[in-house]
Amino acid sequence: MATTYNNLYLDMRQRFKSTGVFDPARAARELICAASGKTNEEFVRDSRLYVPPEIEREAEALAARHLAGEPVAYLIGEWEFYGLPLDISKAVLIPRPDTEALAAQAIEMARSYDEPRVLDLCAGSGCIGLAVASQAPNARVLLGELDEEAVKICRQNIRRNDLSARVSVVRVDAKEKPSRQLGEFDVIVSNPPYIPTDDIGTLDTSVRDHEPQLALDGGVDGLDFYRAICGKWRDALRPYGKLLFEVGTGQADAVLRLMRASGFGDVQIAKDLNGIPRVVYGTLWDEL
């Protein structure tokens, strides 16, 4: 039976809502737009038109995959972060609103310098570094990422957001001491893997079964990358440079202590929009 775009949307939204899908309205709209090749504006414009059968079948197939746990961002291949459109693949984590708290702090830090050099370490899609570059026009940003497929996504997102003049990407291992050829930075920002290994199996199926484990697993206590970065990357910071981390729930105090023990002062904790301690940041003292 023929249906309009609006009726297809209403039906899909209701199914998503009844099964507990997060943000069912956005999920339904994004999947129908992906199936039809329409922008959000075109979807609204055409809401009273009838949906061609092949597009309805494609939309229903996407809906079934989402109901089975596959995230919308992976189904449509893109997502938005800090107002920037980003290519997304299963090689990278899906940017989340919680991480905008880290981006906001990094942007503020970058703006405090005349011409800052910023490193986004464990960059994933490059979302944090690109947000910094978009909001701090004098910043030069390097995206550091280990996974080759994620590096490709970073390159795509640099081009997509017309930031090639000030943003580049390099393949690096955050758990190893950096090459001197990378130079020094005024700001290093990182959203590293921080899920304790034994906790990964308890994550929601949309994360556990679809997001890259390489970007999730932070070791036995979830703190492996914080130890490595504090200990091995401090020499990549200029004196009095800034180091900023996103942390998992309940990890802020432990990361604060690690930073202090590694020679960082004025270490502070910032909360995300839900009031959860989400960002830990500090300044590299001239001497340990």
C-alpha atoms as a PDB file:
ATOM      1  CA  MET A   1       0.000   0.000   0.000  1.00  0.00           C
ATOM      2  CA  ALA A   2       1.400   3.389  -1.014  1.00  0.00           C
ATOM      3  CA  THR A   3       2.473   5.703   1.773  1.00  0.00           C
ATOM      4  CA  THR A   4       3.745   9.263   1.972  1.00  0.00           C
ATOM      5  CA  TYR A   5       7.139  10.244   3.291  1.00  0.00           C
ATOM      6  CA  ASN A   6       5.467  11.770   6.330  1.00  0.00           C
ATOM      7  CA  ASN A   7       3.459   8.644   7.110  1.00  0.00           C
ATOM      8  CA  LEU A   8       6.520   6.442   6.649  1.00  0.00           C
ATOM      9  CA  TYR A   9       8.392   8.710   9.049  1.00  0.00           C
ATOM     10  CA  LEU A  10       5.601   8.688  11.649  1.00  0.00           C
ATOM     11  CA  ASP A  11       5.310   4.907  11.523  1.00  0.00           C
ATOM     12  CA  MET A  12       9.069   4.374  11.781  1.00  0.00           C
ATOM     13  CA  ARG A  13       9.403   6.888  14.602  1.00  0.00           C
ATOM     14  CA  GLN A  14       6.674   5.134  16.571  1.00  0.00           C
ATOM     15  CA  ARG A  15       8.318   1.730  16.114  1.00  0.00           C
ATOM     16  CA  PHE A  16      11.650   3.111  17.249  1.00  0.00           C
ATOM     17  CA  LYS A  17      10.054   4.839  20.234  1.00  0.00           C
ATOM     18  CA  SER A  18       8.193   1.715  21.340  1.00  0.00           C
ATOM     19  CA  THR A  19      11.399  -0.327  21.346  1.00  0.00           C
ATOM     20  CA  GLY A  20      13.465   2.231  23.264  1.00  0.00           C
ATOM     21  CA  VAL A  21      15.600   3.563  20.410  1.00  0.00           C
ATOM     22  CA  PHE A  22      17.482   6.697  21.425  1.00  0.00           C
ATOM     23  CA  ASP A  23      16.177   9.844  19.683  1.00  0.00           C
ATOM     24  CA  PRO A  24      13.633   7.966  17.537  1.00  0.00           C
ATOM     25  CA  ALA A  25      12.619  11.063  15.563  1.00  0.00           C
ATOM     26  CA  ARG A  26      16.155  11.765  14.370  1.00  0.00           C
ATOM     27  CA  ALA A  27      16.798   8.090  13.638  1.00  0.00           C
ATOM     28  CA  ALA A  28      13.673   7.803  11.479  1.00  0.00           C
ATOM     29  CA  ARG A  29      14.393  11.031   9.596  1.00  0.00           C
ATOM     30  CA  GLU A  30      18.064  10.200   8.948  1.00  0.00           C
ATOM     31  CA  LEU A  31      17.329   6.686   7.687  1.00  0.00           C
ATOM     32  CA  ILE A  32      14.562   7.821   5.327  1.00  0.00           C
ATOM     33  CA  CYS A  33      16.794  10.597   4.006  1.00  0.00           C
ATOM     34  CA  ALA A  34      19.605   8.083   3.457  1.00  0.00           C
ATOM     35  CA  ALA A  35      17.306   5.659   1.631  1.00  0.00           C
ATOM     36  CA  SER A  36      15.845   8.375  -0.586  1.00  0.00           C
ATOM     37  CA  GLY A  37      19.007  10.448  -1.107  1.00  0.00           C
ATOM     38  CA  LYS A  38      17.204  13.531   0.210  1.00  0.00           C
ATOM     39  CA  THR A  39      18.499  16.239   2.479  1.00  0.00           C
ATOM     40  CA  ASN A  40      16.507  17.088   5.595  1.00  0.00           C
ATOM     41  CA  GLU A  41      15.134  20.135   3.810  1.00  0.00           C
ATOM     42  CA  GLU A  42      14.054  18.058   0.811  1.00  0.00           C
ATOM     43  CA  PHE A  43      12.445  15.519   3.121  1.00  0.00           C
ATOM     44  CA  VAL A  44      10.312  18.249   4.715  1.00  0.00           C
ATOM     45  CA  ARG A  45       9.475  19.690   1.291  1.00  0.00           C
ATOM     46  CA  ASP A  46       8.398  16.310  -0.068  1.00  0.00           C
ATOM     47  CA  SER A  47       6.684  15.029   3.075  1.00  0.00           C
ATOM     48  CA  ARG A  48       3.280  14.714   1.381  1.00  0.00           C
ATOM     49  CA  LEU A  49       4.589  12.913  -1.691  1.00  0.00           C
ATOM     50  CA  TYR A  50       4.259   9.154  -2.071  1.00  0.00           C
ATOM     51  CA  VAL A  51       7.358   7.067  -1.463  1.00  0.00           C
ATOM     52  CA  PRO A  52       8.513   4.935  -4.424  1.00  0.00           C
ATOM     53  CA  PRO A  53       8.390   1.215  -3.517  1.00  0.00           C
ATOM     54  CA  GLU A  54      12.138   0.694  -3.871  1.00  0.00           C
ATOM     55  CA  ILE A  55      12.888   3.586  -1.492  1.00  0.00           C
ATOM     56  CA  GLU A  56      10.356   2.302   1.018  1.00  0.00           C
ATOM     57  CA  ARG A  57      11.991  -1.137   0.911  1.00  0.00           C
ATOM     58  CA  GLU A  58      15.446   0.389   1.433  1.00  0.00           C
ATOM     59  CA  ALA A  59      14.202   2.509   4.345  1.00  0.00           C
ATOM     60  CA  GLU A  60      12.586  -0.525   5.973  1.00  0.00           C
ATOM     61  CA  ALA A  61      15.777  -2.544   5.542  1.00  0.00           C
ATOM     62  CA  LEU A  62      17.775   0.210   7.259  1.00  0.00           C
ATOM     63  CA  ALA A  63      15.179   0.401  10.034  1.00  0.00           C
ATOM     64  CA  ALA A  64      15.433  -3.353  10.623  1.00  0.00           C
ATOM     65  CA  ARG A  65      19.208  -3.137  10.913  1.00  0.00           C
ATOM     66  CA  HIS A  66      18.901  -0.252  13.375  1.00  0.00           C
ATOM     67  CA  LEU A  67      16.374  -2.162  15.474  1.00  0.00           C
ATOM     68  CA  ALA A  68      18.890  -5.018  15.551  1.00  0.00           C
ATOM     69  CA  GLY A  69      21.413  -2.661  17.125  1.00  0.00           C
ATOM     70  CA  GLU A  70      23.359  -1.088  14.260  1.00  0.00           C
ATOM     71  CA  PRO A  71      23.913   2.636  14.937  1.00  0.00           C
ATOM     72  CA  VAL A  72      22.395   5.185  12.571  1.00  0.00           C
ATOM     73  CA  ALA A  73      25.764   6.853  11.939  1.00  0.00           C
ATOM     74  CA  TYR A  74      27.220   3.639  10.515  1.00  0.00           C
ATOM     75  CA  LEU A  75      24.103   2.990   8.447  1.00  0.00           C
ATOM     76  CA  ILE A  76      24.211   6.402   6.788  1.00  0.00           C
ATOM     77  CA  GLY A  77      28.017   6.841   6.825  1.00  0.00           C
ATOM     78  CA  GLU A  78      28.110  10.279   8.400  1.00  0.00           C
ATOM     79  CA  TRP A  79      27.404  12.223  11.575  1.00  0.00           C
ATOM     80  CA  GLU A  80      27.668  15.770  12.907  1.00  0.00           C
ATOM     81  CA  PHE A  81      29.967  17.027  15.666  1.00  0.00           C
ATOM     82  CA  TYR A  82      30.319  20.618  16.862  1.00  0.00           C
ATOM     83  CA  GLY A  83      28.395  21.736  13.797  1.00  0.00           C
ATOM     84  CA  LEU A  84      30.747  19.926  11.390  1.00  0.00           C
ATOM     85  CA  PRO A  85      29.596  17.202   8.960  1.00  0.00           C
ATOM     86  CA  LEU A  86      31.837  14.150   9.263  1.00  0.00           C
ATOM     87  CA  ASP A  87      32.299  10.938   7.314  1.00  0.00           C
ATOM     88  CA  ILE A  88      31.950   7.948   9.639  1.00  0.00           C
ATOM     89  CA  SER A  89      32.867   4.289   9.164  1.00  0.00           C
ATOM     90  CA  LYS A  90      33.163   1.288  11.444  1.00  0.00           C
ATOM     91  CA  ALA A  91      36.875   2.094  11.796  1.00  0.00           C
ATOM     92  CA  VAL A  92      36.066   5.030  14.094  1.00  0.00           C
ATOM     93  CA  LEU A  93      33.912   5.763  17.114  1.00  0.00           C
ATOM     94  CA  ILE A  94      30.748   7.734  16.528  1.00  0.00           C
ATOM     95  CA  PRO A  95      31.244  11.282  17.897  1.00  0.00           C
ATOM     96  CA  ARG A  96      29.043  11.872  20.928  1.00  0.00           C
ATOM     97  CA  PRO A  97      27.643  15.012  22.569  1.00  0.00           C
ATOM     98  CA  ASP A  98      29.663  14.202  25.726  1.00  0.00           C
ATOM     99  CA  THR A  99      32.870  14.775  23.764  1.00  0.00           C
ATOM    100  CA  GLU A 100      31.816  18.321  22.879  1.00  0.00           C
ATOM    101  CA  ALA A 101      32.795  19.213  26.462  1.00  0.00           C
ATOM    102  CA  LEU A 102      36.370  18.199  25.638  1.00  0.00           C
ATOM    103  CA  ALA A 103      36.276  20.048  22.318  1.00  0.00           C
ATOM    104  CA  ALA A 104      35.030  23.217  24.029  1.00  0.00           C
ATOM    105  CA  GLN A 105      37.901  23.148  26.545  1.00  0.00           C
ATOM    106  CA  ALA A 106      40.449  22.498  23.793  1.00  0.00           C
ATOM    107  CA  ILE A 107      39.064  25.378  21.721  1.00  0.00           C
ATOM    108  CA  GLU A 108      39.327  27.706  24.718  1.00  0.00           C
ATOM    109  CA  MET A 109      42.928  26.619  25.324  1.00  0.00           C
ATOM    110  CA  ALA A 110      43.874  27.029  21.658  1.00  0.00           C
ATOM    111  CA  ARG A 111      42.393  30.522  21.537  1.00  0.00           C
ATOM    112  CA  SER A 112      44.655  31.581  24.416  1.00  0.00           C
ATOM    113  CA  TYR A 113      47.667  31.332  22.057  1.00  0.00           C
ATOM    114  CA  ASP A 114      48.445  33.565  19.094  1.00  0.00           C
ATOM    115  CA  GLU A 115      49.318  30.750  16.675  1.00  0.00           C
ATOM    116  CA  PRO A 116      48.932  27.468  18.552  1.00  0.00           C
ATOM    117  CA  ARG A 117      50.075  24.075  17.397  1.00  0.00           C
ATOM    118  CA  VAL A 118      47.502  21.488  18.467  1.00  0.00           C
ATOM    119  CA  LEU A 119      47.657  17.683  18.450  1.00  0.00           C
ATOM    120  CA  ASP A 120      44.505  15.561  18.551  1.00  0.00           C
ATOM    121  CA  LEU A 121      45.878  12.202  19.725  1.00  0.00           C
ATOM    122  CA  CYS A 122      43.809   9.029  19.192  1.00  0.00           C
ATOM    123  CA  ALA A 123      41.921  11.181  16.707  1.00  0.00           C
ATOM    124  CA  GLY A 124      39.455   8.612  15.325  1.00  0.00           C
ATOM    125  CA  SER A 125      37.292  10.560  12.877  1.00  0.00           C
ATOM    126  CA  GLY A 126      39.302  13.713  13.655  1.00  0.00           C
ATOM    127  CA  CYS A 127      36.231  15.316  15.214  1.00  0.00           C
ATOM    128  CA  ILE A 128      37.980  17.084  18.115  1.00  0.00           C
ATOM    129  CA  GLY A 129      40.911  18.456  16.147  1.00  0.00           C
ATOM    130  CA  LEU A 130      38.645  19.609  13.335  1.00  0.00           C
ATOM    131  CA  ALA A 131      36.361  21.339  15.832  1.00  0.00           C
ATOM    132  CA  VAL A 132      39.385  23.152  17.250  1.00  0.00           C
ATOM    133  CA  ALA A 133      40.562  24.204  13.788  1.00  0.00           C
ATOM    134  CA  SER A 134      37.095  25.442  12.843  1.00  0.00           C
ATOM    135  CA  GLN A 135      36.755  27.577  15.974  1.00  0.00           C
ATOM    136  CA  ALA A 136      40.364  28.725  16.445  1.00  0.00           C
ATOM    137  CA  PRO A 137      41.310  30.094  13.015  1.00  0.00           C
ATOM    138  CA  ASN A 138      44.969  30.708  13.917  1.00  0.00           C
ATOM    139  CA  ALA A 139      45.535  27.124  15.058  1.00  0.00           C
ATOM    140  CA  ARG A 140      47.486  24.527  13.109  1.00  0.00           C
ATOM    141  CA  VAL A 141      46.210  21.070  13.979  1.00  0.00           C
ATOM    142  CA  LEU A 142      47.716  17.614  13.606  1.00  0.00           C
ATOM    143  CA  LEU A 143      45.469  14.553  13.866  1.00  0.00           C
ATOM    144  CA  GLY A 144      47.360  11.576  15.308  1.00  0.00           C
ATOM    145  CA  GLU A 145      45.822   8.137  14.767  1.00  0.00           C
ATOM    146  CA  LEU A 146      47.151   4.557  14.633  1.00  0.00           C
ATOM    147  CA  ASP A 147      44.527   2.692  12.600  1.00  0.00           C
ATOM    148  CA  GLU A 148      45.064   3.016   8.835  1.00  0.00           C
ATOM    149  CA  GLU A 149      41.348   3.041   8.017  1.00  0.00           C
ATOM    150  CA  ALA A 150      40.746   5.749  10.626  1.00  0.00           C
ATOM    151  CA  VAL A 151      43.574   7.797   9.070  1.00  0.00           C
ATOM    152  CA  LYS A 152      41.686   7.621   5.760  1.00  0.00           C
ATOM    153  CA  ILE A 153      38.528   8.887   7.464  1.00  0.00           C
ATOM    154  CA  CYS A 154      40.524  11.764   8.970  1.00  0.00           C
ATOM    155  CA  ARG A 155      41.765  12.738   5.512  1.00  0.00           C
ATOM    156  CA  GLN A 156      38.223  12.643   4.128  1.00  0.00           C
ATOM    157  CA  ASN A 157      36.946  14.846   6.941  1.00  0.00           C
ATOM    158  CA  ILE A 158      39.751  17.359   6.550  1.00  0.00           C
ATOM    159  CA  ARG A 159      38.812  17.753   2.881  1.00  0.00           C
ATOM    160  CA  ARG A 160      35.074  17.710   3.561  1.00  0.00           C
ATOM    161  CA  ASN A 161      35.393  20.661   5.922  1.00  0.00           C
ATOM    162  CA  ASP A 162      37.850  22.621   3.750  1.00  0.00           C
ATOM    163  CA  LEU A 163      40.550  22.604   6.430  1.00  0.00           C
ATOM    164  CA  SER A 164      43.450  21.178   4.422  1.00  0.00           C
ATOM    165  CA  ALA A 165      45.438  24.415   4.792  1.00  0.00           C
ATOM    166  CA  ARG A 166      45.650  24.092   8.572  1.00  0.00           C
ATOM    167  CA  VAL A 167      44.964  20.439   9.435  1.00  0.00           C
ATOM    168  CA  SER A 168      46.950  17.321   8.578  1.00  0.00           C
ATOM    169  CA  VAL A 169      47.016  13.727   9.770  1.00  0.00           C
ATOM    170  CA  VAL A 170      49.835  11.382  10.761  1.00  0.00           C
ATOM    171  CA  ARG A 171      49.879   7.721  11.749  1.00  0.00           C
ATOM    172  CA  VAL A 172      51.203   7.437  15.317  1.00  0.00           C
ATOM    173  CA  ASP A 173      50.884   5.076  18.271  1.00  0.00           C
ATOM    174  CA  ALA A 174      49.745   6.955  21.383  1.00  0.00           C
ATOM    175  CA  LYS A 175      51.302   4.275  23.618  1.00  0.00           C
ATOM    176  CA  GLU A 176      54.785   4.812  22.187  1.00  0.00           C
ATOM    177  CA  LYS A 177      57.195   7.719  22.602  1.00  0.00           C
ATOM    178  CA  PRO A 178      56.726  10.168  19.723  1.00  0.00           C
ATOM    179  CA  SER A 179      59.333  10.930  17.104  1.00  0.00           C
ATOM    180  CA  ARG A 180      61.133  14.242  17.512  1.00  0.00           C
ATOM    181  CA  GLN A 181      60.136  14.979  13.921  1.00  0.00           C
ATOM    182  CA  LEU A 182      56.592  15.666  15.111  1.00  0.00           C
ATOM    183  CA  GLY A 183      57.882  18.762  16.873  1.00  0.00           C
ATOM    184  CA  GLU A 184      56.318  20.384  19.915  1.00  0.00           C
ATOM    185  CA  PHE A 185      52.746  21.404  20.619  1.00  0.00           C
ATOM    186  CA  ASP A 186      51.026  24.046  22.686  1.00  0.00           C
ATOM    187  CA  VAL A 187      47.981  21.845  23.216  1.00  0.00           C
ATOM    188  CA  ILE A 188      47.557  18.064  23.178  1.00  0.00           C
ATOM    189  CA  VAL A 189      43.984  16.828  23.393  1.00  0.00           C
ATOM    190  CA  SER A 190      42.952  13.182  23.524  1.00  0.00           C
ATOM    191  CA  ASN A 191      39.858  11.047  23.805  1.00  0.00           C
ATOM    192  CA  PRO A 192      41.697   7.723  24.197  1.00  0.00           C
ATOM    193  CA  PRO A 193      40.291   4.218  24.647  1.00  0.00           C
ATOM    194  CA  TYR A 194      39.204   4.052  28.298  1.00  0.00           C
ATOM    195  CA  ILE A 195      36.814   1.138  28.769  1.00  0.00           C
ATOM    196  CA  PRO A 196      38.262  -1.527  31.121  1.00  0.00           C
ATOM    197  CA  THR A 197      38.772  -4.725  29.141  1.00  0.00           C
ATOM    198  CA  ASP A 198      36.373  -6.820  31.217  1.00  0.00           C
ATOM    199  CA  ASP A 199      33.639  -4.174  30.893  1.00  0.00           C
ATOM    200  CA  ILE A 200      33.502  -4.253  27.098  1.00  0.00           C
ATOM    201  CA  GLY A 201      31.232  -7.298  27.109  1.00  0.00           C
ATOM    202  CA  THR A 202      28.695  -5.416  29.250  1.00  0.00           C
ATOM    203  CA  LEU A 203      28.355  -2.469  26.859  1.00  0.00           C
ATOM    204  CA  ASP A 204      25.195  -1.818  24.893  1.00  0.00           C
ATOM    205  CA  THR A 205      25.037  -4.013  21.790  1.00  0.00           C
ATOM    206  CA  SER A 206      25.209  -0.954  19.532  1.00  0.00           C
ATOM    207  CA  VAL A 207      28.672  -0.224  20.959  1.00  0.00           C
ATOM    208  CA  ARG A 208      29.938  -3.729  21.759  1.00  0.00           C
ATOM    209  CA  ASP A 209      29.021  -5.289  18.422  1.00  0.00           C
ATOM    210  CA  HIS A 210      29.603  -2.379  16.047  1.00  0.00           C
ATOM    211  CA  GLU A 211      32.147   0.168  17.290  1.00  0.00           C
ATOM    212  CA  PRO A 212      35.876  -0.641  16.931  1.00  0.00           C
ATOM    213  CA  GLN A 213      37.303  -2.435  19.965  1.00  0.00           C
ATOM    214  CA  LEU A 214      40.677  -0.822  19.255  1.00  0.00           C
ATOM    215  CA  ALA A 215      39.070   2.528  20.133  1.00  0.00           C
ATOM    216  CA  LEU A 216      37.354   1.174  23.263  1.00  0.00           C
ATOM    217  CA  ASP A 217      39.788  -1.068  25.157  1.00  0.00           C
ATOM    218  CA  GLY A 218      41.791   0.877  27.721  1.00  0.00           C
ATOM    219  CA  GLY A 219      43.369  -2.116  29.428  1.00  0.00           C
ATOM    220  CA  VAL A 220      42.592  -3.857  32.706  1.00  0.00           C
ATOM    221  CA  ASP A 221      41.629  -0.689  34.587  1.00  0.00           C
ATOM    222  CA  GLY A 222      40.916   1.500  31.550  1.00  0.00           C
ATOM    223  CA  LEU A 223      43.891   3.753  32.248  1.00  0.00           C
ATOM    224  CA  ASP A 224      46.610   2.343  29.958  1.00  0.00           C
ATOM    225  CA  PHE A 225      46.487   5.207  27.461  1.00  0.00           C
ATOM    226  CA  TYR A 226      46.450   7.906  30.146  1.00  0.00           C
ATOM    227  CA  ARG A 227      49.612   6.448  31.677  1.00  0.00           C
ATOM    228  CA  ALA A 228      51.323   6.210  28.303  1.00  0.00           C
ATOM    229  CA  ILE A 229      50.378   9.681  27.124  1.00  0.00           C
ATOM    230  CA  CYS A 230      51.258  11.387  30.416  1.00  0.00           C
ATOM    231  CA  GLY A 231      54.593   9.600  30.586  1.00  0.00           C
ATOM    232  CA  LYS A 232      55.690   9.447  26.948  1.00  0.00           C
ATOM    233  CA  TRP A 233      54.116  12.489  25.305  1.00  0.00           C
ATOM    234  CA  ARG A 234      54.911  15.201  27.863  1.00  0.00           C
ATOM    235  CA  ASP A 235      58.146  15.944  25.954  1.00  0.00           C
ATOM    236  CA  ALA A 236      56.033  16.740  22.878  1.00  0.00           C
ATOM    237  CA  LEU A 237      54.524  19.657  24.795  1.00  0.00           C
ATOM    238  CA  ARG A 238      56.180  23.027  24.997  1.00  0.00           C
ATOM    239  CA  PRO A 239      56.837  24.286  28.548  1.00  0.00           C
ATOM    240  CA  TYR A 240      53.518  25.310  30.093  1.00  0.00           C
ATOM    241  CA  GLY A 241      51.649  23.574  27.306  1.00  0.00           C
ATOM    242  CA  LYS A 242      48.200  22.103  27.934  1.00  0.00           C
ATOM    243  CA  LEU A 243      47.142  18.459  28.064  1.00  0.00           C
ATOM    244  CA  LEU A 244      43.425  17.617  27.957  1.00  0.00           C
ATOM    245  CA  PHE A 245      41.705  14.244  28.249  1.00  0.00           C
ATOM    246  CA  GLU A 246      38.194  12.893  28.005  1.00  0.00           C
ATOM    247  CA  VAL A 247      37.620  10.326  30.753  1.00  0.00           C
ATOM    248  CA  GLY A 248      35.047   7.653  31.466  1.00  0.00           C
ATOM    249  CA  THR A 249      32.583   7.738  34.340  1.00  0.00           C
ATOM    250  CA  GLY A 250      34.439   7.419  37.631  1.00  0.00           C
ATOM    251  CA  GLN A 251      37.916   7.889  36.127  1.00  0.00           C
ATOM    252  CA  ALA A 252      38.453  11.626  36.620  1.00  0.00           C
ATOM    253  CA  ASP A 253      40.221  11.468  40.002  1.00  0.00           C
ATOM    254  CA  ALA A 254      42.562   8.672  38.891  1.00  0.00           C
ATOM    255  CA  VAL A 255      43.541  10.565  35.735  1.00  0.00           C
ATOM    256  CA  LEU A 256      44.017  13.752  37.754  1.00  0.00           C
ATOM    257  CA  ARG A 257      46.488  11.911  40.015  1.00  0.00           C
ATOM    258  CA  LEU A 258      48.332  10.481  36.996  1.00  0.00           C
ATOM    259  CA  MET A 259      48.719  13.941  35.493  1.00  0.00           C
ATOM    260  CA  ARG A 260      50.024  15.436  38.734  1.00  0.00           C
ATOM    261  CA  ALA A 261      52.519  12.582  39.149  1.00  0.00           C
ATOM    262  CA  SER A 262      53.745  13.218  35.580  1.00  0.00           C
ATOM    263  CA  GLY A 263      54.557  16.880  36.161  1.00  0.00           C
ATOM    264  CA  PHE A 264      51.308  18.630  35.266  1.00  0.00           C
ATOM    265  CA  GLY A 265      50.034  21.421  37.466  1.00  0.00           C
ATOM    266  CA  ASP A 266      46.778  23.327  37.865  1.00  0.00           C
ATOM    267  CA  VAL A 267      44.980  20.074  36.993  1.00  0.00           C
ATOM    268  CA  GLN A 268      41.239  20.540  36.826  1.00  0.00           C
ATOM    269  CA  ILE A 269      38.101  18.550  36.107  1.00  0.00           C
ATOM    270  CA  ALA A 270      35.192  19.757  33.946  1.00  0.00           C
ATOM    271  CA  LYS A 271      31.736  18.210  33.661  1.00  0.00           C
ATOM    272  CA  ASP A 272      29.735  17.408  30.559  1.00  0.00           C
ATOM    273  CA  LEU A 273      26.169  18.579  29.881  1.00  0.00           C
ATOM    274  CA  ASN A 274      24.840  15.763  32.073  1.00  0.00           C
ATOM    275  CA  GLY A 275      26.905  16.895  35.047  1.00  0.00           C
ATOM    276  CA  ILE A 276      29.327  13.948  34.791  1.00  0.00           C
ATOM    277  CA  PRO A 277      33.067  14.660  35.275  1.00  0.00           C
ATOM    278  CA  ARG A 278      34.203  14.221  31.667  1.00  0.00           C
ATOM    279  CA  VAL A 279      37.350  16.296  31.042  1.00  0.00           C
ATOM    280  CA  VAL A 280      40.627  16.431  32.952  1.00  0.00           C
ATOM    281  CA  TYR A 281      43.185  19.034  31.912  1.00  0.00           C
ATOM    282  CA  GLY A 282      46.358  20.618  33.193  1.00  0.00           C
ATOM    283  CA  THR A 283      49.516  22.578  32.375  1.00  0.00           C
ATOM    284  CA  LEU A 284      52.997  21.124  31.937  1.00  0.00           C
ATOM    285  CA  TRP A 285      55.303  22.581  34.538  1.00  0.00           C
ATOM    286  CA  ASP A 286      58.782  23.535  33.433  1.00  0.00           C
ATOM    287  CA  GLU A 287      60.331  20.822  35.632  1.00  0.00           C
ATOM    288  CA  LEU A 288      59.035  17.474  36.883  1.00  0.00           C
END
